[in-house]
Each structure stands twice: as structure tokens, then as C-alpha cells.
Amino acid sequence: MPALWIAHVTVTDDAAYAEYAKGATKAIADHGGRFIARGGRYVQLEGTDRPRNVVAKFPDVESAEACYRSDAYQAALSHARGASERDLVIVETSE
């Protein structure tokens, strides 16, 4: 079953976060992921408002989790730590 990687982010350092985004984009693609939402207009209805919302679709939960745990993604993530406040979840879809 396909899986969605859903991130809600508040960026606190644009330059460092841009470095994260470059590395993360490649790592996600390398694990079969593709972005279906990346920033853009949103409506916050409940919970913590984070102005950057990203959704990537992967072939399955295992691919999404392997991406997160990969050396390439962890290297990219080192730029996001201290440069953002983030929530990230992987959800299997019913497709």
C-alpha cells in the first residue's frame, strides 16, 4: 500500500533549511518518493499552525521509513535541526 510522508514545519533559519531541502529532495526521490504538496496555500483548522506543509508519496511505509533512516536523509536532516520546528509522520494510505 502507498504511504504518505507528512511534515508540518516552522522554518527558523532559511539558509540552513534550504540546505536541508536540497539533500532531502534527492533522498526522497532515491527512495521512490515524489512530492504531492510542498508549501503552498493551506487552512489551519486545529492543532499547532506550522506554515510549511509537505506531503510526499512513497510506494509503501517501508520505503518512506528507509528514506528517513538513510545516511543521505540524515545528513540533510542535520541542516534542519536547529533551523526548524518539525512534526513528521508516515501514514499508509487506503489506495
PDB file of N, CA and C in Angstrom:
ATOM      1  N   MET A   1       0.836  -1.181   0.000  1.00  0.00           N
ATOM      2  CA  MET A   1       0.000   0.000   0.000  1.00  0.00           C
ATOM      3  C   MET A   1       0.881   1.245   0.000  1.00  0.00           C
ATOM      4  N   PRO A   2       0.542   2.246  -0.784  1.00  0.00           N
ATOM      5  CA  PRO A   2       1.300   3.502  -0.766  1.00  0.00           C
ATOM      6  C   PRO A   2       1.260   4.156   0.618  1.00  0.00           C
ATOM      7  N   ALA A   3       2.209   5.027   0.845  1.00  0.00           N
ATOM      8  CA  ALA A   3       2.296   5.725   2.125  1.00  0.00           C
ATOM      9  C   ALA A   3       2.588   7.199   1.882  1.00  0.00           C
ATOM     10  N   LEU A   4       2.076   8.019   2.764  1.00  0.00           N
ATOM     11  CA  LEU A   4       2.328   9.457   2.719  1.00  0.00           C
ATOM     12  C   LEU A   4       3.260   9.843   3.850  1.00  0.00           C
ATOM     13  N   TRP A   5       4.219  10.687   3.522  1.00  0.00           N
ATOM     14  CA  TRP A   5       5.152  11.285   4.480  1.00  0.00           C
ATOM     15  C   TRP A   5       4.624  12.699   4.643  1.00  0.00           C
ATOM     16  N   ILE A   6       4.154  13.039   5.823  1.00  0.00           N
ATOM     17  CA  ILE A   6       3.511  14.331   6.056  1.00  0.00           C
ATOM     18  C   ILE A   6       4.327  15.104   7.084  1.00  0.00           C
ATOM     19  N   ALA A   7       4.808  16.270   6.662  1.00  0.00           N
ATOM     20  CA  ALA A   7       5.622  17.114   7.539  1.00  0.00           C
ATOM     21  C   ALA A   7       4.949  18.472   7.705  1.00  0.00           C
ATOM     22  N   HIS A   8       4.934  18.936   8.942  1.00  0.00           N
ATOM     23  CA  HIS A   8       4.456  20.279   9.270  1.00  0.00           C
ATOM     24  C   HIS A   8       5.654  20.994   9.885  1.00  0.00           C
ATOM     25  N   VAL A   9       6.025  22.138   9.313  1.00  0.00           N
ATOM     26  CA  VAL A   9       7.313  22.753   9.643  1.00  0.00           C
ATOM     27  C   VAL A   9       7.176  24.254   9.862  1.00  0.00           C
ATOM     28  N   THR A  10       7.885  24.744  10.867  1.00  0.00           N
ATOM     29  CA  THR A  10       8.139  26.169  11.031  1.00  0.00           C
ATOM     30  C   THR A  10       9.633  26.366  10.820  1.00  0.00           C
ATOM     31  N   VAL A  11      10.004  27.082   9.781  1.00  0.00           N
ATOM     32  CA  VAL A  11      11.416  27.323   9.471  1.00  0.00           C
ATOM     33  C   VAL A  11      11.893  28.524  10.277  1.00  0.00           C
ATOM     34  N   THR A  12      13.033  28.349  10.967  1.00  0.00           N
ATOM     35  CA  THR A  12      13.601  29.435  11.769  1.00  0.00           C
ATOM     36  C   THR A  12      14.922  29.955  11.198  1.00  0.00           C
ATOM     37  N   ASP A  13      15.498  29.227  10.232  1.00  0.00           N
ATOM     38  CA  ASP A  13      16.737  29.649   9.568  1.00  0.00           C
ATOM     39  C   ASP A  13      16.621  29.254   8.100  1.00  0.00           C
ATOM     40  N   ASP A  14      16.272  30.218   7.255  1.00  0.00           N
ATOM     41  CA  ASP A  14      16.007  29.932   5.840  1.00  0.00           C
ATOM     42  C   ASP A  14      17.203  29.334   5.111  1.00  0.00           C
ATOM     43  N   ALA A  15      18.398  29.846   5.359  1.00  0.00           N
ATOM     44  CA  ALA A  15      19.580  29.368   4.637  1.00  0.00           C
ATOM     45  C   ALA A  15      19.886  27.908   4.995  1.00  0.00           C
ATOM     46  N   ALA A  16      19.882  27.591   6.265  1.00  0.00           N
ATOM     47  CA  ALA A  16      20.156  26.218   6.683  1.00  0.00           C
ATOM     48  C   ALA A  16      19.062  25.275   6.196  1.00  0.00           C
ATOM     49  N   TYR A  17      17.820  25.733   6.242  1.00  0.00           N
ATOM     50  CA  TYR A  17      16.722  24.880   5.805  1.00  0.00           C
ATOM     51  C   TYR A  17      16.781  24.629   4.303  1.00  0.00           C
ATOM     52  N   ALA A  18      17.260  25.579   3.555  1.00  0.00           N
ATOM     53  CA  ALA A  18      17.429  25.387   2.114  1.00  0.00           C
ATOM     54  C   ALA A  18      18.434  24.269   1.837  1.00  0.00           C
ATOM     55  N   GLU A  19      19.483  24.180   2.647  1.00  0.00           N
ATOM     56  CA  GLU A  19      20.451  23.084   2.511  1.00  0.00           C
ATOM     57  C   GLU A  19      19.784  21.749   2.816  1.00  0.00           C
ATOM     58  N   TYR A  20      18.956  21.726   3.855  1.00  0.00           N
ATOM     59  CA  TYR A  20      18.198  20.517   4.169  1.00  0.00           C
ATOM     60  C   TYR A  20      17.338  20.118   2.967  1.00  0.00           C
ATOM     61  N   ALA A  21      16.606  21.069   2.408  1.00  0.00           N
ATOM     62  CA  ALA A  21      15.669  20.776   1.324  1.00  0.00           C
ATOM     63  C   ALA A  21      16.380  20.170   0.110  1.00  0.00           C
ATOM     64  N   LYS A  22      17.573  20.653  -0.203  1.00  0.00           N
ATOM     65  CA  LYS A  22      18.313  20.097  -1.341  1.00  0.00           C
ATOM     66  C   LYS A  22      18.622  18.623  -1.122  1.00  0.00           C
ATOM     67  N   GLY A  23      19.185  18.311   0.028  1.00  0.00           N
ATOM     68  CA  GLY A  23      19.537  16.920   0.320  1.00  0.00           C
ATOM     69  C   GLY A  23      18.321  16.029   0.501  1.00  0.00           C
ATOM     70  N   ALA A  24      17.292  16.545   1.143  1.00  0.00           N
ATOM     71  CA  ALA A  24      16.080  15.756   1.379  1.00  0.00           C
ATOM     72  C   ALA A  24      15.377  15.430   0.070  1.00  0.00           C
ATOM     73  N   THR A  25      15.344  16.379  -0.851  1.00  0.00           N
ATOM     74  CA  THR A  25      14.693  16.161  -2.140  1.00  0.00           C
ATOM     75  C   THR A  25      15.316  14.970  -2.866  1.00  0.00           C
ATOM     76  N   LYS A  26      16.626  14.908  -2.871  1.00  0.00           N
ATOM     77  CA  LYS A  26      17.318  13.791  -3.532  1.00  0.00           C
ATOM     78  C   LYS A  26      17.077  12.483  -2.788  1.00  0.00           C
ATOM     79  N   ALA A  27      17.177  12.498  -1.478  1.00  0.00           N
ATOM     80  CA  ALA A  27      16.970  11.270  -0.703  1.00  0.00           C
ATOM     81  C   ALA A  27      15.558  10.725  -0.901  1.00  0.00           C
ATOM     82  N   ILE A  28      14.585  11.606  -0.913  1.00  0.00           N
ATOM     83  CA  ILE A  28      13.193  11.178  -1.104  1.00  0.00           C
ATOM     84  C   ILE A  28      13.023  10.554  -2.486  1.00  0.00           C
ATOM     85  N   ALA A  29      13.535  11.203  -3.509  1.00  0.00           N
ATOM     86  CA  ALA A  29      13.446  10.652  -4.872  1.00  0.00           C
ATOM     87  C   ALA A  29      14.164   9.304  -4.976  1.00  0.00           C
ATOM     88  N   ASP A  30      15.317   9.196  -4.336  1.00  0.00           N
ATOM     89  CA  ASP A  30      16.101   7.958  -4.381  1.00  0.00           C
ATOM     90  C   ASP A  30      15.373   6.787  -3.729  1.00  0.00           C
ATOM     91  N   HIS A  31      14.384   7.072  -2.888  1.00  0.00           N
ATOM     92  CA  HIS A  31      13.610   6.018  -2.218  1.00  0.00           C
ATOM     93  C   HIS A  31      12.211   5.873  -2.813  1.00  0.00           C
ATOM     94  N   GLY A  32      12.029   6.381  -4.008  1.00  0.00           N
ATOM     95  CA  GLY A  32      10.761   6.211  -4.707  1.00  0.00           C
ATOM     96  C   GLY A  32       9.692   7.200  -4.320  1.00  0.00           C
ATOM     97  N   GLY A  33      10.057   8.242  -3.562  1.00  0.00           N
ATOM     98  CA  GLY A  33       9.087   9.236  -3.142  1.00  0.00           C
ATOM     99  C   GLY A  33       8.936  10.349  -4.166  1.00  0.00           C
ATOM    100  N   ARG A  34       7.757  10.947  -4.175  1.00  0.00           N
ATOM    101  CA  ARG A  34       7.521  12.121  -5.014  1.00  0.00           C
ATOM    102  C   ARG A  34       6.637  13.084  -4.233  1.00  0.00           C
ATOM    103  N   PHE A  35       6.907  14.356  -4.397  1.00  0.00           N
ATOM    104  CA  PHE A  35       6.147  15.371  -3.675  1.00  0.00           C
ATOM    105  C   PHE A  35       4.779  15.551  -4.311  1.00  0.00           C
ATOM    106  N   ILE A  36       3.749  15.598  -3.478  1.00  0.00           N
ATOM    107  CA  ILE A  36       2.415  15.922  -3.972  1.00  0.00           C
ATOM    108  C   ILE A  36       1.932  17.244  -3.370  1.00  0.00           C
ATOM    109  N   ALA A  37       2.599  17.728  -2.348  1.00  0.00           N
ATOM    110  CA  ALA A  37       2.363  19.069  -1.796  1.00  0.00           C
ATOM    111  C   ALA A  37       3.662  19.519  -1.154  1.00  0.00           C
ATOM    112  N   ARG A  38       4.029  20.762  -1.425  1.00  0.00           N
ATOM    113  CA  ARG A  38       5.289  21.279  -0.884  1.00  0.00           C
ATOM    114  C   ARG A  38       5.116  22.775  -0.678  1.00  0.00           C
ATOM    115  N   GLY A  39       4.774  23.147   0.548  1.00  0.00           N
ATOM    116  CA  GLY A  39       4.442  24.539   0.789  1.00  0.00           C
ATOM    117  C   GLY A  39       3.049  24.793   0.245  1.00  0.00           C
ATOM    118  N   GLY A  40       2.796  25.961  -0.208  1.00  0.00           N
ATOM    119  CA  GLY A  40       1.519  26.273  -0.829  1.00  0.00           C
ATOM    120  C   GLY A  40       0.452  26.696   0.166  1.00  0.00           C
ATOM    121  N   ARG A  41      -0.657  27.023  -0.376  1.00  0.00           N
ATOM    122  CA  ARG A  41      -1.790  27.522   0.401  1.00  0.00           C
ATOM    123  C   ARG A  41      -2.347  26.424   1.295  1.00  0.00           C
ATOM    124  N   TYR A  42      -2.741  26.802   2.498  1.00  0.00           N
ATOM    125  CA  TYR A  42      -3.327  25.845   3.435  1.00  0.00           C
ATOM    126  C   TYR A  42      -4.293  26.581   4.353  1.00  0.00           C
ATOM    127  N   VAL A  43      -5.129  25.822   5.023  1.00  0.00           N
ATOM    128  CA  VAL A  43      -6.059  26.351   6.015  1.00  0.00           C
ATOM    129  C   VAL A  43      -5.848  25.551   7.291  1.00  0.00           C
ATOM    130  N   GLN A  44      -5.426  26.213   8.357  1.00  0.00           N
ATOM    131  CA  GLN A  44      -5.208  25.552   9.641  1.00  0.00           C
ATOM    132  C   GLN A  44      -6.531  25.503  10.394  1.00  0.00           C
ATOM    133  N   LEU A  45      -7.034  24.331  10.675  1.00  0.00           N
ATOM    134  CA  LEU A  45      -8.306  24.191  11.367  1.00  0.00           C
ATOM    135  C   LEU A  45      -8.155  23.787  12.827  1.00  0.00           C
ATOM    136  N   GLU A  46      -7.139  22.972  13.122  1.00  0.00           N
ATOM    137  CA  GLU A  46      -6.903  22.534  14.501  1.00  0.00           C
ATOM    138  C   GLU A  46      -5.401  22.347  14.699  1.00  0.00           C
ATOM    139  N   GLY A  47      -4.994  22.305  15.945  1.00  0.00           N
ATOM    140  CA  GLY A  47      -3.610  21.989  16.277  1.00  0.00           C
ATOM    141  C   GLY A  47      -2.665  23.151  16.065  1.00  0.00           C
ATOM    142  N   THR A  48      -1.385  22.818  16.122  1.00  0.00           N
ATOM    143  CA  THR A  48      -0.316  23.807  16.005  1.00  0.00           C
ATOM    144  C   THR A  48      -0.158  24.255  14.560  1.00  0.00           C
ATOM    145  N   ASP A  49      -0.208  25.549  14.346  1.00  0.00           N
ATOM    146  CA  ASP A  49      -0.023  26.101  12.998  1.00  0.00           C
ATOM    147  C   ASP A  49       1.458  26.102  12.654  1.00  0.00           C
ATOM    148  N   ARG A  50       1.804  25.405  11.599  1.00  0.00           N
ATOM    149  CA  ARG A  50       3.159  25.426  11.064  1.00  0.00           C
ATOM    150  C   ARG A  50       3.028  25.818   9.600  1.00  0.00           C
ATOM    151  N   PRO A  51       3.634  26.916   9.186  1.00  0.00           N
ATOM    152  CA  PRO A  51       3.357  27.494   7.873  1.00  0.00           C
ATOM    153  C   PRO A  51       3.906  26.728   6.673  1.00  0.00           C
ATOM    154  N   ARG A  52       4.726  25.717   6.894  1.00  0.00           N
ATOM    155  CA  ARG A  52       5.213  24.919   5.751  1.00  0.00           C
ATOM    156  C   ARG A  52       4.693  23.498   5.925  1.00  0.00           C
ATOM    157  N   ASN A  53       3.959  23.037   4.942  1.00  0.00           N
ATOM    158  CA  ASN A  53       3.366  21.701   4.980  1.00  0.00           C
ATOM    159  C   ASN A  53       3.797  20.950   3.734  1.00  0.00           C
ATOM    160  N   VAL A  54       4.338  19.757   3.946  1.00  0.00           N
ATOM    161  CA  VAL A  54       4.900  18.979   2.847  1.00  0.00           C
ATOM    162  C   VAL A  54       4.323  17.567   2.897  1.00  0.00           C
ATOM    163  N   VAL A  55       3.910  17.072   1.733  1.00  0.00           N
ATOM    164  CA  VAL A  55       3.423  15.700   1.625  1.00  0.00           C
ATOM    165  C   VAL A  55       4.164  15.032   0.471  1.00  0.00           C
ATOM    166  N   ALA A  56       4.779  13.896   0.765  1.00  0.00           N
ATOM    167  CA  ALA A  56       5.428  13.091  -0.273  1.00  0.00           C
ATOM    168  C   ALA A  56       4.778  11.718  -0.274  1.00  0.00           C
ATOM    169  N   LYS A  57       4.616  11.152  -1.450  1.00  0.00           N
ATOM    170  CA  LYS A  57       4.023   9.829  -1.585  1.00  0.00           C
ATOM    171  C   LYS A  57       5.112   8.829  -1.910  1.00  0.00           C
ATOM    172  N   PHE A  58       5.128   7.721  -1.176  1.00  0.00           N
ATOM    173  CA  PHE A  58       6.093   6.642  -1.363  1.00  0.00           C
ATOM    174  C   PHE A  58       5.363   5.364  -1.758  1.00  0.00           C
ATOM    175  N   PRO A  59       6.074   4.399  -2.321  1.00  0.00           N
ATOM    176  CA  PRO A  59       5.432   3.141  -2.696  1.00  0.00           C
ATOM    177  C   PRO A  59       4.813   2.395  -1.507  1.00  0.00           C
ATOM    178  N   ASP A  60       5.432   2.552  -0.327  1.00  0.00           N
ATOM    179  CA  ASP A  60       4.948   1.849   0.867  1.00  0.00           C
ATOM    180  C   ASP A  60       5.595   2.461   2.112  1.00  0.00           C
ATOM    181  N   VAL A  61       5.100   2.061   3.272  1.00  0.00           N
ATOM    182  CA  VAL A  61       5.623   2.571   4.545  1.00  0.00           C
ATOM    183  C   VAL A  61       7.113   2.254   4.680  1.00  0.00           C
ATOM    184  N   GLU A  62       7.495   1.056   4.269  1.00  0.00           N
ATOM    185  CA  GLU A  62       8.895   0.646   4.415  1.00  0.00           C
ATOM    186  C   GLU A  62       9.839   1.544   3.626  1.00  0.00           C
ATOM    187  N   SER A  63       9.452   1.930   2.426  1.00  0.00           N
ATOM    188  CA  SER A  63      10.290   2.828   1.613  1.00  0.00           C
ATOM    189  C   SER A  63      10.417   4.198   2.263  1.00  0.00           C
ATOM    190  N   ALA A  64       9.312   4.694   2.795  1.00  0.00           N
ATOM    191  CA  ALA A  64       9.331   6.003   3.457  1.00  0.00           C
ATOM    192  C   ALA A  64      10.212   5.973   4.699  1.00  0.00           C
ATOM    193  N   GLU A  65      10.089   4.915   5.483  1.00  0.00           N
ATOM    194  CA  GLU A  65      10.900   4.813   6.694  1.00  0.00           C
ATOM    195  C   GLU A  65      12.376   4.595   6.346  1.00  0.00           C
ATOM    196  N   ALA A  66      12.645   3.803   5.321  1.00  0.00           N
ATOM    197  CA  ALA A  66      14.033   3.600   4.883  1.00  0.00           C
ATOM    198  C   ALA A  66      14.654   4.922   4.437  1.00  0.00           C
ATOM    199  N   CYS A  67      13.863   5.749   3.770  1.00  0.00           N
ATOM    200  CA  CYS A  67      14.348   7.069   3.382  1.00  0.00           C
ATOM    201  C   CYS A  67      14.753   7.859   4.610  1.00  0.00           C
ATOM    202  N   TYR A  68      13.856   7.930   5.586  1.00  0.00           N
ATOM    203  CA  TYR A  68      14.138   8.706   6.800  1.00  0.00           C
ATOM    204  C   TYR A  68      15.412   8.209   7.487  1.00  0.00           C
ATOM    205  N   ARG A  69      15.599   6.926   7.544  1.00  0.00           N
ATOM    206  CA  ARG A  69      16.743   6.347   8.259  1.00  0.00           C
ATOM    207  C   ARG A  69      18.016   6.303   7.411  1.00  0.00           C
ATOM    208  N   SER A  70      17.929   6.655   6.137  1.00  0.00           N
ATOM    209  CA  SER A  70      19.102   6.584   5.255  1.00  0.00           C
ATOM    210  C   SER A  70      20.164   7.610   5.646  1.00  0.00           C
ATOM    211  N   ASP A  71      21.402   7.281   5.306  1.00  0.00           N
ATOM    212  CA  ASP A  71      22.515   8.205   5.573  1.00  0.00           C
ATOM    213  C   ASP A  71      22.303   9.530   4.851  1.00  0.00           C
ATOM    214  N   ALA A  72      21.802   9.467   3.624  1.00  0.00           N
ATOM    215  CA  ALA A  72      21.606  10.691   2.844  1.00  0.00           C
ATOM    216  C   ALA A  72      20.579  11.604   3.494  1.00  0.00           C
ATOM    217  N   TYR A  73      19.468  11.035   3.940  1.00  0.00           N
ATOM    218  CA  TYR A  73      18.444  11.875   4.565  1.00  0.00           C
ATOM    219  C   TYR A  73      18.920  12.391   5.916  1.00  0.00           C
ATOM    220  N   GLN A  74      19.592  11.570   6.685  1.00  0.00           N
ATOM    221  CA  GLN A  74      20.087  12.015   7.986  1.00  0.00           C
ATOM    222  C   GLN A  74      21.111  13.136   7.829  1.00  0.00           C
ATOM    223  N   ALA A  75      21.922  13.074   6.772  1.00  0.00           N
ATOM    224  CA  ALA A  75      22.871  14.166   6.503  1.00  0.00           C
ATOM    225  C   ALA A  75      22.105  15.452   6.189  1.00  0.00           C
ATOM    226  N   ALA A  76      21.061  15.334   5.382  1.00  0.00           N
ATOM    227  CA  ALA A  76      20.238  16.513   5.075  1.00  0.00           C
ATOM    228  C   ALA A  76      19.561  17.030   6.332  1.00  0.00           C
ATOM    229  N   LEU A  77      19.040  16.120   7.138  1.00  0.00           N
ATOM    230  CA  LEU A  77      18.317  16.489   8.348  1.00  0.00           C
ATOM    231  C   LEU A  77      19.193  17.257   9.333  1.00  0.00           C
ATOM    232  N   SER A  78      20.488  17.019   9.294  1.00  0.00           N
ATOM    233  CA  SER A  78      21.386  17.747  10.196  1.00  0.00           C
ATOM    234  C   SER A  78      21.301  19.256   9.962  1.00  0.00           C
ATOM    235  N   HIS A  79      20.935  19.680   8.754  1.00  0.00           N
ATOM    236  CA  HIS A  79      20.767  21.106   8.451  1.00  0.00           C
ATOM    237  C   HIS A  79      19.443  21.643   8.996  1.00  0.00           C
ATOM    238  N   ALA A  80      18.443  20.782   9.106  1.00  0.00           N
ATOM    239  CA  ALA A  80      17.123  21.220   9.582  1.00  0.00           C
ATOM    240  C   ALA A  80      17.076  21.335  11.108  1.00  0.00           C
ATOM    241  N   ARG A  81      17.864  20.535  11.785  1.00  0.00           N
ATOM    242  CA  ARG A  81      17.890  20.602  13.246  1.00  0.00           C
ATOM    243  C   ARG A  81      18.451  21.956  13.657  1.00  0.00           C
ATOM    244  N   GLY A  82      17.750  22.646  14.505  1.00  0.00           N
ATOM    245  CA  GLY A  82      18.160  23.978  14.905  1.00  0.00           C
ATOM    246  C   GLY A  82      17.731  25.053  13.920  1.00  0.00           C
ATOM    247  N   ALA A  83      17.213  24.643  12.756  1.00  0.00           N
ATOM    248  CA  ALA A  83      16.764  25.596  11.739  1.00  0.00           C
ATOM    249  C   ALA A  83      15.257  25.495  11.514  1.00  0.00           C
ATOM    250  N   SER A  84      14.608  24.632  12.305  1.00  0.00           N
ATOM    251  CA  SER A  84      13.171  24.446  12.123  1.00  0.00           C
ATOM    252  C   SER A  84      12.575  23.726  13.325  1.00  0.00           C
ATOM    253  N   GLU A  85      11.272  23.870  13.444  1.00  0.00           N
ATOM    254  CA  GLU A  85      10.474  23.063  14.359  1.00  0.00           C
ATOM    255  C   GLU A  85       9.614  22.207  13.458  1.00  0.00           C
ATOM    256  N   ARG A  86       9.616  20.881  13.692  1.00  0.00           N
ATOM    257  CA  ARG A  86       9.004  19.968  12.727  1.00  0.00           C
ATOM    258  C   ARG A  86       8.195  18.880  13.408  1.00  0.00           C
ATOM    259  N   ASP A  87       7.166  18.467  12.731  1.00  0.00           N
ATOM    260  CA  ASP A  87       6.434  17.254  13.049  1.00  0.00           C
ATOM    261  C   ASP A  87       6.432  16.434  11.770  1.00  0.00           C
ATOM    262  N   LEU A  88       6.678  15.139  11.884  1.00  0.00           N
ATOM    263  CA  LEU A  88       6.734  14.278  10.712  1.00  0.00           C
ATOM    264  C   LEU A  88       6.066  12.955  11.037  1.00  0.00           C
ATOM    265  N   VAL A  89       5.205  12.509  10.138  1.00  0.00           N
ATOM    266  CA  VAL A  89       4.531  11.222  10.307  1.00  0.00           C
ATOM    267  C   VAL A  89       4.462  10.528   8.965  1.00  0.00           C
ATOM    268  N   ILE A  90       4.505   9.206   8.991  1.00  0.00           N
ATOM    269  CA  ILE A  90       4.304   8.381   7.802  1.00  0.00           C
ATOM    270  C   ILE A  90       2.970   7.658   7.999  1.00  0.00           C
ATOM    271  N   VAL A  91       2.096   7.753   6.990  1.00  0.00           N
ATOM    272  CA  VAL A  91       0.769   7.160   7.085  1.00  0.00           C
ATOM    273  C   VAL A  91       0.510   6.296   5.861  1.00  0.00           C
ATOM    274  N   GLU A  92       0.145   5.047   6.080  1.00  0.00           N
ATOM    275  CA  GLU A  92      -0.237   4.183   4.977  1.00  0.00           C
ATOM    276  C   GLU A  92      -1.586   4.626   4.433  1.00  0.00           C
ATOM    277  N   THR A  93      -1.711   4.670   3.123  1.00  0.00           N
ATOM    278  CA  THR A  93      -2.967   5.076   2.513  1.00  0.00           C
ATOM    279  C   THR A  93      -3.867   3.863   2.303  1.00  0.00           C
ATOM    280  N   SER A  94      -5.099   4.118   1.971  1.00  0.00           N
ATOM    281  CA  SER A  94      -6.045   3.025   1.718  1.00  0.00           C
ATOM    282  C   SER A  94      -6.222   2.766   0.223  1.00  0.00           C
ATOM    283  N   GLU A  95      -5.350   3.322  -0.603  1.00  0.00           N
ATOM    284  CA  GLU A  95      -5.419   3.120  -2.061  1.00  0.00           C
ATOM    285  C   GLU A  95      -4.975   1.729  -2.430  1.00  0.00           C
TER     286      GLU A  95
END
